[in-house]
Amino acid sequence: MSVKFKLSANASEASVRSVLDELHQRGLAADRLFPEQERPALARMFIIRSPAAEPAAVAAALERFGSDVEYVESDVKRKPL
């Protein structure tokens, strides 16, 4: 399952590193959804691509970061038309 999350554009770089380190300690690797993006609104969006990733567990792991985390959600499943 994939889990997406977004960090606030106001979050410091130290906070971003802390979030990524917290996930890494839990065996989850987060990648930037838009790696080359410079605009903070898009550059702070991340995705975890792992069968072990569960949105509720990721949200619980990031709860201590408060308002630095804007949202955590599962990947949207789309039906082909």
Protein backbone atom coordinates (compact mmCIF):
# COMPACT_ATOMS: atom_id res chain seq x y z
CA MET A 1 0.00 0.00 0.00
CA SER A 2 1.13 3.56 -0.61
CA VAL A 3 0.68 6.32 1.94
CA LYS A 4 0.97 9.98 1.05
CA PHE A 5 1.62 12.78 3.48
CA LYS A 6 2.31 16.47 3.28
CA LEU A 7 4.42 18.61 5.54
CA SER A 8 3.63 22.27 6.04
CA ALA A 9 5.52 24.76 3.90
CA ASN A 10 6.33 26.49 7.22
CA ALA A 11 8.02 23.39 8.68
CA SER A 12 11.75 23.85 9.12
CA GLU A 13 14.25 21.68 7.28
CA ALA A 14 15.22 20.20 10.66
CA SER A 15 11.60 19.17 11.20
CA VAL A 16 11.45 17.59 7.74
CA ARG A 17 14.60 15.58 8.54
CA SER A 18 13.12 14.56 11.90
CA VAL A 19 9.94 13.30 10.23
CA LEU A 20 11.91 11.30 7.67
CA ASP A 21 14.19 9.91 10.39
CA GLU A 22 11.18 8.85 12.49
CA LEU A 23 9.73 6.95 9.55
CA HIS A 24 13.11 5.41 8.73
CA GLN A 25 13.41 4.13 12.31
CA ARG A 26 10.07 2.39 11.78
CA GLY A 27 11.35 0.74 8.59
CA LEU A 28 9.51 3.06 6.21
CA ALA A 29 11.21 5.07 3.47
CA ALA A 30 9.49 8.23 2.28
CA ASP A 31 10.30 9.78 -1.08
CA ARG A 32 9.31 13.18 -2.38
CA LEU A 33 6.27 12.94 -4.61
CA PHE A 34 7.71 15.69 -6.83
CA PRO A 35 11.51 15.39 -6.41
CA GLU A 36 12.54 18.33 -8.61
CA GLN A 37 9.88 20.73 -7.40
CA GLU A 38 11.05 23.92 -5.71
CA ARG A 39 7.67 25.33 -4.69
CA PRO A 40 7.18 24.43 -1.01
CA ALA A 41 3.52 23.50 -1.53
CA LEU A 42 4.59 20.63 -3.80
CA ALA A 43 8.11 19.97 -2.54
CA ARG A 44 6.79 18.96 0.89
CA MET A 45 4.57 16.14 -0.43
CA PHE A 46 5.92 12.65 0.25
CA ILE A 47 4.94 9.07 -0.53
CA ILE A 48 5.76 5.81 1.21
CA ARG A 49 5.62 2.84 -1.16
CA SER A 50 5.60 -0.24 1.02
CA PRO A 51 3.22 -3.13 1.65
CA ALA A 52 3.81 -2.52 5.37
CA ALA A 53 2.67 1.11 5.22
CA GLU A 54 -0.72 1.75 6.82
CA PRO A 55 -2.16 5.28 6.95
CA ALA A 56 -3.23 4.98 10.60
CA ALA A 57 0.23 3.77 11.68
CA VAL A 58 1.99 6.53 9.73
CA ALA A 59 -0.38 9.14 11.19
CA ALA A 60 0.32 7.85 14.70
CA ALA A 61 4.08 7.96 14.08
CA LEU A 62 3.86 11.57 12.90
CA GLU A 63 1.40 12.78 15.53
CA ARG A 64 4.14 14.28 17.70
CA PHE A 65 5.09 16.67 14.88
CA GLY A 66 1.77 18.48 15.27
CA SER A 67 0.99 21.19 12.73
CA ASP A 68 4.12 20.39 10.70
CA VAL A 69 2.10 17.50 9.22
CA GLU A 70 -0.82 18.73 7.13
CA TYR A 71 -2.28 15.34 6.20
CA VAL A 72 -1.68 11.59 5.91
CA GLU A 73 -3.76 9.55 3.48
CA SER A 74 -3.78 6.27 1.63
CA ASP A 75 -3.19 6.16 -2.09
CA VAL A 76 -6.39 6.60 -4.06
CA LYS A 77 -7.59 3.56 -5.96
CA ARG A 78 -9.13 4.54 -9.27
CA LYS A 79 -11.33 2.44 -11.49
CA PRO A 80 -10.65 2.59 -15.22
CA LEU A 81 -13.55 3.92 -17.28
